[in-house]
Amino acid sequence: MTVDLLLGLQWGDEGKGKIVDVLTSKYDIIARFQGGPNAGHTLEFDGIKHVLRTIPSGIFHKNSINIIGNGVVIDPVVFQKEIEGLEKFNMDIKSKLLISRKAHLILPTHRLLDAASETAKGKAKIGSTLKGIGPTYMDKTGRNGLRVGDIELADFEEKYRSLANKHEEMIKFYDVSIQYNLPEMEKEFFEAIEELKKLNFIDSEEYLAQAQKAGKSILCEGAQGSLLDVDFGTYPFVTSSNTTAAGACTGLGIAPNKIKEVYGIFKAYTTRVGSGPFPTEDFEDAGNTMARVGNEFGSVTGRQRRCGWLDLVALKYAIQINGVTQLMMMKGDVLSGFDTLKVCTAYNYKGETIKHLPFSIEEENVTPVYTEFKGWNADLTGMSSYDEFPTELKEYIAFIEKEVEVPITIVSVGPDRKQTIMK
């Protein structure tokens, strides 16, 4: 029996989906523990690109069971479309996908609340994806939410109506103009609920406890990234759930002492979507090149990502709070062609040089301190072993390992499943 954990160490979009897909053959169960349909995982193999929003990334492997845990929030409409998109691959979704009864539901009015709240903020908006995720988690912590298990109860529609009516009053409070047709949205919602009922609901914490007793291997899959954690991220420009290792315990009901390996995923550079501080963001040619070569656009939202150099201060922070045991570096191929590479190794924080993440990393408080490296021109995308890597890339990897004191065991050199180098 083993329970391992895989999560992102930056502001999301690190490439977690690909690595889960690569590792899945080693595990009996893949379990998603937090987040909602704003977190798209992109997988690419056999010449086909797949984007998953809620379903765990192990769904394409024949022998794995995939669980959507209690910490996830589910939009039935988005979820139905995701299921429909997988039907053409002739997978037995019903037997491979299990859903926690304790997972919360995103209602149409949650999305409207999200839009109204963000509009009301004006220039102070936090960059919400407007998927209704924040308001859903607010209802969860406010003890008002509806859960998957409520669908099985006779008074579900009554509960829905009561909460939706409350939301409509809240929307009026924001006093902003947003256009919507709620009856049409609700029609689509309840049709999706009927489709959701066809899947298997479980008491996931009990299922996973029995799986551990039976010696099953489990991989816990996170969404977003550690720097978006509601407690430890760059608040308030964060998501509404715990994206760190602790979130796997609360989002699945797995005890902390059961977790063995913690795989941390990071890019060879840094990206961020939406608003919020980003000390190493590059506004010149380097950042634009990273975005272009790395195809840095959100897999769900389509938004262009902000790009910049690798921030080791932030990376060490994420490694520390997650207890990372192995690192996996993504998109090493994107940095090919740069004459000089930069890595942030410290911050100048209010006139003092520090190597930890302070309370505020807004640009008026923080200036990155860089170490420069000679770049490489080799095309990495066709390489199949670590030995083929140029010396400059090996030196880049060795420097990171020395600074963060955790080994890099995988280097990704392209989007395809096969472009994954074991070190």
Protein backbone atom coordinates (compact mmCIF):
# COMPACT_ATOMS: atom_id res chain seq x y z
CA MET A 1 0.00 0.00 0.00
CA THR A 2 1.28 3.46 -0.88
CA VAL A 3 -0.29 6.91 -0.96
CA ASP A 4 1.69 9.44 -2.98
CA LEU A 5 0.88 13.05 -3.71
CA LEU A 6 1.47 15.17 -6.79
CA LEU A 7 1.02 18.94 -6.79
CA GLY A 8 2.15 22.16 -8.43
CA LEU A 9 4.74 24.41 -6.80
CA GLN A 10 4.15 27.69 -8.64
CA TRP A 11 1.02 29.63 -9.65
CA GLY A 12 -0.51 26.66 -11.46
CA ASP A 13 -0.19 25.53 -15.08
CA GLU A 14 2.99 23.62 -14.24
CA GLY A 15 2.08 20.52 -16.26
CA LYS A 16 0.64 18.33 -13.51
CA GLY A 17 -1.77 16.56 -15.86
CA LYS A 18 1.00 15.24 -18.05
CA ILE A 19 2.98 13.85 -15.11
CA VAL A 20 -0.09 12.20 -13.56
CA ASP A 21 -0.72 10.60 -16.93
CA VAL A 22 2.90 9.40 -17.10
CA LEU A 23 2.81 7.99 -13.54
CA THR A 24 -0.70 6.50 -13.59
CA SER A 25 0.36 3.03 -14.71
CA LYS A 26 2.04 2.64 -11.29
CA TYR A 27 -1.15 3.31 -9.33
CA ASP A 28 -4.51 1.62 -8.80
CA ILE A 29 -6.36 4.82 -7.90
CA ILE A 30 -5.99 8.47 -8.98
CA ALA A 31 -7.83 10.86 -6.66
CA ARG A 32 -8.39 14.58 -7.23
CA PHE A 33 -8.54 16.46 -3.92
CA GLN A 34 -9.45 20.13 -4.53
CA GLY A 35 -10.36 22.84 -7.04
CA GLY A 36 -13.02 23.17 -9.69
CA PRO A 37 -13.42 23.32 -13.47
CA ASN A 38 -11.21 26.40 -13.76
CA ALA A 39 -8.19 24.10 -13.43
CA GLY A 40 -7.57 22.47 -16.78
CA HIS A 41 -5.10 19.60 -17.07
CA THR A 42 -3.70 19.11 -20.56
CA LEU A 43 -2.53 15.68 -21.71
CA GLU A 44 -1.07 14.90 -25.11
CA PHE A 45 -0.41 11.47 -26.61
CA ASP A 46 -0.98 9.59 -29.88
CA GLY A 47 -1.16 12.95 -31.63
CA ILE A 48 -4.26 14.04 -29.69
CA LYS A 49 -4.49 16.86 -27.14
CA HIS A 50 -6.92 16.30 -24.24
CA VAL A 51 -8.08 18.92 -21.75
CA LEU A 52 -9.61 17.71 -18.48
CA ARG A 53 -11.40 20.10 -16.13
CA THR A 54 -12.70 18.03 -13.22
CA ILE A 55 -11.94 14.41 -14.05
CA PRO A 56 -8.60 13.06 -12.75
CA SER A 57 -5.83 12.68 -15.31
CA GLY A 58 -5.67 8.90 -14.97
CA ILE A 59 -8.93 8.41 -16.85
CA PHE A 60 -7.16 7.37 -20.06
CA HIS A 61 -5.50 4.35 -18.44
CA LYS A 62 -7.51 1.13 -18.60
CA ASN A 63 -6.76 -0.21 -15.14
CA SER A 64 -7.03 2.87 -12.94
CA ILE A 65 -9.97 3.98 -10.83
CA ASN A 66 -10.44 7.77 -10.78
CA ILE A 67 -12.00 9.52 -7.79
CA ILE A 68 -13.31 13.07 -7.50
CA GLY A 69 -12.83 13.81 -3.81
CA ASN A 70 -14.86 15.77 -1.29
CA GLY A 71 -12.56 18.79 -1.61
CA VAL A 72 -13.51 19.33 -5.26
CA VAL A 73 -16.37 21.58 -6.40
CA ILE A 74 -18.31 20.29 -9.42
CA ASP A 75 -20.24 22.23 -12.05
CA PRO A 76 -22.69 19.60 -13.42
CA VAL A 77 -23.01 21.42 -16.76
CA VAL A 78 -19.25 21.60 -17.38
CA PHE A 79 -18.88 18.06 -16.07
CA GLN A 80 -21.50 16.69 -18.49
CA LYS A 81 -19.70 18.28 -21.44
CA GLU A 82 -16.42 16.81 -20.22
CA ILE A 83 -18.00 13.33 -20.09
CA GLU A 84 -19.43 13.78 -23.57
CA GLY A 85 -16.01 14.75 -24.87
CA LEU A 86 -14.58 11.46 -23.62
CA GLU A 87 -17.32 9.23 -25.04
CA LYS A 88 -15.70 9.10 -28.49
CA PHE A 89 -12.75 7.23 -26.97
CA ASN A 90 -15.00 4.27 -26.01
CA MET A 91 -14.10 4.34 -22.33
CA ASP A 92 -16.26 2.75 -19.64
CA ILE A 93 -16.58 5.99 -17.69
CA LYS A 94 -19.12 4.64 -15.23
CA SER A 95 -16.87 1.88 -13.92
CA LYS A 96 -13.68 4.00 -13.92
CA LEU A 97 -14.99 7.22 -12.33
CA LEU A 98 -16.30 7.59 -8.77
CA ILE A 99 -17.58 10.79 -7.14
CA SER A 100 -17.57 11.71 -3.47
CA ARG A 101 -21.00 12.45 -2.06
CA LYS A 102 -19.38 15.21 -0.01
CA ALA A 103 -18.13 17.16 -3.05
CA HIS A 104 -19.94 20.48 -3.38
CA LEU A 105 -22.00 21.56 -6.39
CA ILE A 106 -21.53 24.78 -8.35
CA LEU A 107 -24.96 26.26 -9.06
CA PRO A 108 -25.79 28.64 -11.94
CA THR A 109 -26.23 31.42 -9.40
CA HIS A 110 -22.71 30.79 -8.08
CA ARG A 111 -21.39 31.77 -11.50
CA LEU A 112 -23.58 34.87 -11.51
CA LEU A 113 -22.36 35.83 -8.04
CA ASP A 114 -18.79 35.41 -9.23
CA ALA A 115 -19.41 37.76 -12.16
CA ALA A 116 -21.21 40.33 -10.01
CA SER A 117 -18.53 40.31 -7.32
CA GLU A 118 -15.67 40.67 -9.82
CA THR A 119 -17.44 43.45 -11.72
CA ALA A 120 -18.07 45.33 -8.49
CA LYS A 121 -14.35 45.28 -7.65
CA GLY A 122 -13.49 47.35 -10.74
CA LYS A 123 -9.73 47.87 -11.00
CA ALA A 124 -9.22 45.90 -7.79
CA LYS A 125 -10.48 42.65 -9.34
CA ILE A 126 -8.48 39.53 -8.50
CA GLY A 127 -8.68 37.87 -11.93
CA SER A 128 -11.39 35.30 -11.23
CA THR A 129 -12.13 32.83 -14.02
CA LEU A 130 -15.84 33.47 -13.32
CA LYS A 131 -16.60 29.75 -13.00
CA GLY A 132 -18.43 30.21 -9.69
CA ILE A 133 -15.74 28.47 -7.68
CA GLY A 134 -15.12 31.17 -5.05
CA PRO A 135 -18.83 31.60 -4.18
CA THR A 136 -19.23 27.81 -3.99
CA TYR A 137 -16.42 27.51 -1.45
CA MET A 138 -17.92 30.46 0.43
CA ASP A 139 -21.18 28.55 0.73
CA LYS A 140 -19.24 25.47 1.80
CA THR A 141 -17.51 27.27 4.68
CA GLY A 142 -20.70 29.19 5.44
CA ARG A 143 -22.53 25.87 5.76
CA ASN A 144 -25.05 26.73 3.07
CA GLY A 145 -23.78 24.58 0.20
CA LEU A 146 -25.34 21.73 -1.73
CA ARG A 147 -23.36 18.52 -2.12
CA VAL A 148 -23.44 15.64 -4.57
CA GLY A 149 -25.14 13.48 -1.95
CA ASP A 150 -28.04 15.96 -1.80
CA ILE A 151 -28.97 14.94 -5.36
CA GLU A 152 -30.11 11.58 -3.97
CA LEU A 153 -32.53 13.22 -1.51
CA ALA A 154 -36.20 13.92 -2.20
CA ASP A 155 -35.98 17.60 -1.26
CA PHE A 156 -33.02 18.47 -3.53
CA GLU A 157 -34.96 20.90 -5.74
CA GLU A 158 -36.40 22.62 -2.69
CA LYS A 159 -32.91 23.05 -1.25
CA TYR A 160 -31.69 24.34 -4.59
CA ARG A 161 -34.48 26.92 -4.84
CA SER A 162 -33.86 28.23 -1.35
CA LEU A 163 -30.14 28.75 -2.00
CA ALA A 164 -30.64 30.19 -5.49
CA ASN A 165 -33.14 32.72 -4.14
CA LYS A 166 -30.62 33.80 -1.53
CA HIS A 167 -28.01 34.22 -4.26
CA GLU A 168 -30.31 36.41 -6.32
CA GLU A 169 -30.74 38.77 -3.39
CA MET A 170 -26.96 38.90 -3.01
CA ILE A 171 -26.55 39.72 -6.72
CA LYS A 172 -28.89 42.68 -6.27
CA PHE A 173 -26.71 43.89 -3.40
CA TYR A 174 -23.70 44.27 -5.72
CA ASP A 175 -25.72 46.76 -7.80
CA VAL A 176 -23.90 46.02 -11.06
CA SER A 177 -25.18 45.28 -14.53
CA ILE A 178 -24.68 41.67 -15.66
CA GLN A 179 -26.80 40.04 -18.35
CA TYR A 180 -28.18 36.55 -17.73
CA ASN A 181 -31.14 34.24 -18.34
CA LEU A 182 -31.48 32.24 -15.14
CA PRO A 183 -34.39 29.99 -16.27
CA GLU A 184 -32.33 28.88 -19.25
CA MET A 185 -29.27 28.30 -17.05
CA GLU A 186 -31.35 26.31 -14.58
CA LYS A 187 -32.84 24.15 -17.35
CA GLU A 188 -29.33 23.21 -18.45
CA PHE A 189 -28.29 22.65 -14.83
CA PHE A 190 -31.08 20.19 -14.00
CA GLU A 191 -30.57 18.29 -17.24
CA ALA A 192 -26.92 17.90 -16.26
CA ILE A 193 -27.96 16.75 -12.77
CA GLU A 194 -29.93 13.90 -14.36
CA GLU A 195 -26.81 12.85 -16.27
CA LEU A 196 -24.71 13.11 -13.11
CA LYS A 197 -27.09 10.68 -11.39
CA LYS A 198 -26.05 7.97 -13.85
CA LEU A 199 -22.54 7.89 -12.35
CA ASN A 200 -21.44 6.18 -9.13
CA PHE A 201 -21.42 8.22 -5.92
CA ILE A 202 -19.33 6.97 -3.01
CA ASP A 203 -18.44 7.79 0.57
CA SER A 204 -14.92 8.49 -0.64
CA GLU A 205 -13.12 8.61 2.69
CA GLU A 206 -14.41 5.10 3.49
CA TYR A 207 -13.64 3.84 -0.01
CA LEU A 208 -10.07 5.10 0.22
CA ALA A 209 -9.62 3.70 3.74
CA GLN A 210 -10.66 0.25 2.54
CA ALA A 211 -8.44 0.60 -0.54
CA GLN A 212 -5.46 1.27 1.70
CA LYS A 213 -6.26 -1.78 3.83
CA ALA A 214 -6.46 -3.84 0.64
CA GLY A 215 -2.96 -2.72 -0.35
CA LYS A 216 -4.02 -0.49 -3.24
CA SER A 217 -1.68 2.24 -4.45
CA ILE A 218 -3.14 5.77 -4.56
CA LEU A 219 -1.93 8.94 -6.26
CA CYS A 220 -3.52 12.14 -4.96
CA GLU A 221 -3.77 14.77 -7.71
CA GLY A 222 -3.85 18.49 -6.99
CA ALA A 223 -5.07 21.35 -9.16
CA GLN A 224 -3.76 24.93 -9.49
CA GLY A 225 -0.47 25.57 -7.66
CA SER A 226 0.93 26.05 -4.16
CA LEU A 227 1.30 29.83 -4.58
CA LEU A 228 -2.47 29.99 -5.12
CA ASP A 229 -3.26 28.27 -1.80
CA VAL A 230 -5.88 30.24 0.12
CA ASP A 231 -3.68 30.25 3.26
CA PHE A 232 -0.13 30.19 1.93
CA GLY A 233 -0.45 31.74 -1.51
CA THR A 234 -0.17 35.38 -2.60
CA TYR A 235 -3.41 36.38 -0.90
CA PRO A 236 -5.88 37.75 -1.98
CA PHE A 237 -4.80 36.77 -5.50
CA VAL A 238 -5.35 33.09 -4.78
CA THR A 239 -7.89 30.34 -5.35
CA SER A 240 -10.49 29.35 -2.74
CA SER A 241 -9.09 26.01 -1.63
CA ASN A 242 -5.96 24.48 -0.11
CA THR A 243 -3.73 23.53 -3.03
CA THR A 244 -0.88 22.36 -0.79
CA ALA A 245 -0.17 18.90 0.64
CA ALA A 246 -2.48 19.53 3.59
CA GLY A 247 -5.36 19.90 1.13
CA ALA A 248 -4.91 16.28 0.04
CA CYS A 249 -5.67 15.13 3.57
CA THR A 250 -8.76 17.30 4.03
CA GLY A 251 -9.88 16.91 0.41
CA LEU A 252 -9.85 13.12 0.47
CA GLY A 253 -9.94 12.07 4.12
CA ILE A 254 -6.47 10.52 4.03
CA ALA A 255 -4.38 10.75 7.20
CA PRO A 256 -1.11 12.74 6.94
CA ASN A 257 1.01 9.81 8.13
CA LYS A 258 -0.17 7.69 5.19
CA ILE A 259 1.44 9.92 2.55
CA LYS A 260 4.83 8.69 1.33
CA GLU A 261 6.21 10.52 -1.72
CA VAL A 262 5.34 14.15 -2.47
CA TYR A 263 6.04 14.93 -6.11
CA GLY A 264 6.46 18.65 -6.78
CA ILE A 265 5.99 19.93 -10.33
CA PHE A 266 7.56 23.20 -11.52
CA LYS A 267 8.42 24.86 -14.81
CA ALA A 268 12.00 25.69 -15.78
CA TYR A 269 10.74 29.30 -15.71
CA THR A 270 7.70 30.88 -14.03
CA THR A 271 4.22 31.82 -15.25
CA ARG A 272 1.14 33.35 -13.75
CA VAL A 273 -2.43 33.90 -14.95
CA GLY A 274 -4.52 36.89 -13.92
CA SER A 275 -3.73 39.52 -11.34
CA GLY A 276 -1.31 39.42 -8.43
CA PRO A 277 2.37 40.00 -7.62
CA PHE A 278 5.02 38.26 -9.74
CA PRO A 279 8.57 39.41 -8.81
CA THR A 280 10.42 37.71 -11.70
CA GLU A 281 7.95 38.65 -14.46
CA ASP A 282 9.79 39.70 -17.64
CA PHE A 283 8.17 42.43 -19.71
CA GLU A 284 10.78 42.35 -22.46
CA ASP A 285 11.69 39.90 -25.23
CA ALA A 286 12.47 37.02 -22.87
CA GLY A 287 8.97 36.90 -21.39
CA ASN A 288 7.35 37.17 -24.81
CA THR A 289 9.55 34.37 -26.14
CA MET A 290 8.63 32.09 -23.24
CA ALA A 291 4.95 32.72 -23.88
CA ARG A 292 5.24 32.07 -27.61
CA VAL A 293 7.51 29.02 -27.52
CA GLY A 294 5.82 27.57 -24.45
CA ASN A 295 2.31 28.14 -25.86
CA GLU A 296 1.43 29.82 -22.58
CA PHE A 297 -2.33 30.06 -22.85
CA GLY A 298 -4.79 28.62 -20.32
CA SER A 299 -6.15 25.19 -21.30
CA VAL A 300 -9.62 26.12 -20.05
CA THR A 301 -9.73 29.93 -20.07
CA GLY A 302 -7.51 30.61 -23.10
CA ARG A 303 -5.93 33.51 -21.22
CA GLN A 304 -2.30 34.34 -22.00
CA ARG A 305 -0.01 33.66 -19.08
CA ARG A 306 2.46 36.17 -17.74
CA CYS A 307 6.02 34.80 -18.01
CA GLY A 308 9.33 35.34 -16.23
CA TRP A 309 12.45 33.74 -14.84
CA LEU A 310 12.56 30.89 -12.35
CA ASP A 311 12.03 32.14 -8.78
CA LEU A 312 13.92 29.89 -6.37
CA VAL A 313 12.79 31.88 -3.31
CA ALA A 314 9.17 31.02 -4.09
CA LEU A 315 10.07 27.48 -5.15
CA LYS A 316 11.92 26.74 -1.89
CA TYR A 317 8.94 28.11 0.02
CA ALA A 318 6.55 25.76 -1.80
CA ILE A 319 8.89 22.80 -1.28
CA GLN A 320 9.06 23.58 2.43
CA ILE A 321 5.33 23.84 3.13
CA ASN A 322 4.56 20.73 1.09
CA GLY A 323 7.37 18.47 2.28
CA VAL A 324 8.36 17.71 -1.32
CA THR A 325 10.51 14.58 -1.75
CA GLN A 326 11.00 14.61 -5.55
CA LEU A 327 10.96 17.40 -8.12
CA MET A 328 9.87 17.27 -11.74
CA MET A 329 10.92 20.09 -14.04
CA MET A 330 8.62 20.89 -16.94
CA LYS A 331 9.20 22.71 -20.23
CA GLY A 332 12.99 22.60 -20.19
CA ASP A 333 12.78 22.74 -23.99
CA VAL A 334 11.22 26.22 -23.89
CA LEU A 335 14.45 27.77 -22.59
CA SER A 336 16.51 26.47 -25.54
CA GLY A 337 17.92 29.34 -27.58
CA PHE A 338 18.46 31.89 -24.81
CA ASP A 339 22.03 33.20 -24.69
CA THR A 340 21.69 33.94 -20.98
CA LEU A 341 19.32 32.55 -18.37
CA LYS A 342 18.49 34.16 -15.05
CA VAL A 343 17.41 32.57 -11.78
CA CYS A 344 16.15 34.53 -8.79
CA THR A 345 18.06 33.34 -5.71
CA ALA A 346 17.09 36.07 -3.22
CA TYR A 347 14.89 39.14 -2.77
CA ASN A 348 15.87 42.68 -1.91
CA TYR A 349 13.04 43.25 0.58
CA LYS A 350 12.74 46.81 1.84
CA GLY A 351 16.52 47.24 1.55
CA GLU A 352 17.41 43.89 3.10
CA THR A 353 18.52 40.75 1.21
CA ILE A 354 16.35 37.79 2.20
CA LYS A 355 15.92 34.23 0.94
CA HIS A 356 12.44 33.47 2.24
CA LEU A 357 8.99 34.50 0.99
CA PRO A 358 7.83 37.51 3.05
CA PHE A 359 4.27 38.55 3.86
CA SER A 360 4.08 40.81 0.81
CA ILE A 361 5.92 40.35 -2.49
CA GLU A 362 4.32 43.34 -4.21
CA GLU A 363 6.78 45.14 -6.49
CA GLU A 364 7.09 48.14 -4.17
CA ASN A 365 8.49 45.79 -1.49
CA VAL A 366 10.46 43.21 -3.46
CA THR A 367 13.20 43.30 -6.12
CA PRO A 368 14.59 39.95 -7.31
CA VAL A 369 18.31 39.21 -6.99
CA TYR A 370 19.45 37.14 -9.98
CA THR A 371 22.18 34.62 -10.75
CA GLU A 372 22.96 34.31 -14.47
CA PHE A 373 23.72 31.17 -16.45
CA LYS A 374 24.93 30.46 -19.96
CA GLY A 375 22.05 29.20 -22.10
CA TRP A 376 21.92 26.32 -24.57
CA ASN A 377 20.83 26.10 -28.21
CA ALA A 378 20.18 22.37 -28.50
CA ASP A 379 16.72 21.11 -29.49
CA LEU A 380 15.69 18.98 -26.51
CA THR A 381 12.38 17.74 -27.91
CA GLY A 382 13.83 14.68 -29.63
CA MET A 383 16.13 13.62 -26.80
CA SER A 384 15.38 10.38 -24.98
CA SER A 385 17.92 10.32 -22.14
CA TYR A 386 19.51 12.65 -19.59
CA ASP A 387 22.95 11.89 -21.01
CA GLU A 388 21.96 13.67 -24.25
CA PHE A 389 21.30 16.96 -22.47
CA PRO A 390 23.72 19.83 -23.16
CA THR A 391 26.19 20.60 -20.38
CA GLU A 392 24.57 24.00 -19.72
CA LEU A 393 21.19 22.37 -19.01
CA LYS A 394 22.81 19.83 -16.67
CA GLU A 395 24.50 22.70 -14.82
CA TYR A 396 21.13 24.54 -14.59
CA ILE A 397 19.49 21.44 -13.09
CA ALA A 398 22.39 20.81 -10.69
CA PHE A 399 22.25 24.41 -9.43
CA ILE A 400 18.51 24.16 -8.71
CA GLU A 401 18.96 20.85 -6.86
CA LYS A 402 21.74 22.31 -4.73
CA GLU A 403 19.72 25.41 -3.83
CA VAL A 404 16.46 23.64 -2.93
CA GLU A 405 18.05 20.43 -1.54
CA VAL A 406 15.61 18.11 -3.32
CA PRO A 407 16.44 15.93 -6.35
CA ILE A 408 14.95 16.54 -9.79
CA THR A 409 13.93 13.07 -10.98
CA ILE A 410 12.02 13.94 -14.18
CA VAL A 411 12.67 16.57 -16.86
CA SER A 412 9.96 17.19 -19.47
CA VAL A 413 11.16 18.26 -22.93
CA GLY A 414 7.83 18.49 -24.78
CA PRO A 415 4.08 18.07 -24.36
CA ASP A 416 3.86 14.43 -25.48
CA ARG A 417 3.80 11.56 -23.00
CA LYS A 418 6.99 10.20 -24.61
CA GLN A 419 8.91 13.48 -24.14
CA THR A 420 9.56 12.72 -20.48
CA ILE A 421 13.15 12.08 -19.36
CA MET A 422 13.81 10.09 -16.18
CA LYS A 423 16.97 11.36 -14.46
